[in-house]
Amino acid sequence: MTQTGADLEGANTQATSGDAVSETEAYGRARAQGDDAIERTCMVCGNKFESEGWHNRLCGSCRKRSVAAG
């Protein structure tokens, strides 16, 4: 099932129990199942780093170098 923007907006406004914040509320969108923040290996230098999810494959040092290079 595909969620529309209206569906996600409704999910963002739902109350959560306790102090916990749902991932939809924290990121403004639902994360794919298995897209977890885990320790990964940088694709450039090979060092281990705490990844934010599937999209995050470069460590902070390599990401800064990549942005500076243009």
Protein backbone atom coordinates (compact mmCIF):
# COMPACT_ATOMS: atom_id res chain seq x y z
CA MET A 1 0.00 0.00 0.00
CA THR A 2 1.36 3.42 -0.94
CA GLN A 3 0.88 6.28 1.50
CA THR A 4 -0.06 9.68 0.19
CA GLY A 5 1.14 12.98 1.63
CA ALA A 6 -2.18 13.36 3.44
CA ASP A 7 -1.75 9.90 5.03
CA LEU A 8 1.73 10.78 6.25
CA GLU A 9 0.57 14.15 7.52
CA GLY A 10 -2.12 12.42 9.55
CA ALA A 11 0.47 10.04 10.96
CA ASN A 12 2.61 13.00 12.02
CA THR A 13 -0.18 14.49 14.12
CA GLN A 14 -1.16 11.31 15.96
CA ALA A 15 -0.37 11.30 19.67
CA THR A 16 2.24 8.88 20.92
CA SER A 17 2.21 7.15 24.26
CA GLY A 18 4.71 8.37 26.85
CA ASP A 19 7.81 10.30 25.82
CA ALA A 20 8.51 8.14 22.76
CA VAL A 21 8.50 9.86 19.38
CA SER A 22 7.63 7.78 16.34
CA GLU A 23 10.02 7.70 13.40
CA THR A 24 7.35 9.35 11.25
CA GLU A 25 7.20 12.27 13.67
CA ALA A 26 10.97 12.51 14.01
CA TYR A 27 11.76 12.45 10.28
CA GLY A 28 8.54 13.73 8.73
CA ARG A 29 8.20 10.51 6.75
CA ALA A 30 7.96 6.79 7.37
CA ARG A 31 11.22 4.84 7.12
CA ALA A 32 11.42 1.61 5.18
CA GLN A 33 11.50 -1.57 7.22
CA GLY A 34 15.14 -2.44 7.87
CA ASP A 35 16.41 1.13 7.27
CA ASP A 36 18.07 1.37 10.67
CA ALA A 37 20.82 3.52 12.09
CA ILE A 38 23.65 1.01 12.54
CA GLU A 39 27.42 0.84 12.39
CA ARG A 40 28.55 0.68 8.76
CA THR A 41 31.81 0.75 6.84
CA CYS A 42 32.59 3.92 4.85
CA MET A 43 32.60 3.23 1.10
CA VAL A 44 35.64 5.51 0.59
CA CYS A 45 38.07 4.97 3.47
CA GLY A 46 36.76 1.73 5.00
CA ASN A 47 36.48 3.12 8.56
CA LYS A 48 33.52 2.14 10.73
CA PHE A 49 30.99 4.89 11.59
CA GLU A 50 27.45 5.25 12.98
CA SER A 51 25.22 5.42 9.89
CA GLU A 52 21.85 7.23 9.91
CA GLY A 53 20.33 4.70 7.47
CA TRP A 54 20.66 3.29 3.95
CA HIS A 55 21.31 6.71 2.46
CA ASN A 56 24.34 7.33 4.72
CA ARG A 57 27.36 5.40 3.36
CA LEU A 58 30.22 7.90 3.85
CA CYS A 59 31.80 8.75 7.20
CA GLY A 60 31.84 12.40 8.28
CA SER A 61 35.44 13.00 7.15
CA CYS A 62 34.88 11.60 3.65
CA ARG A 63 31.54 13.41 3.31
CA LYS A 64 33.24 16.75 4.14
CA ARG A 65 35.97 16.04 1.58
CA SER A 66 33.35 15.11 -1.04
CA VAL A 67 31.41 18.35 -0.47
CA ALA A 68 34.60 20.47 -0.51
CA ALA A 69 35.70 18.89 -3.80
CA GLY A 70 32.48 20.07 -5.40
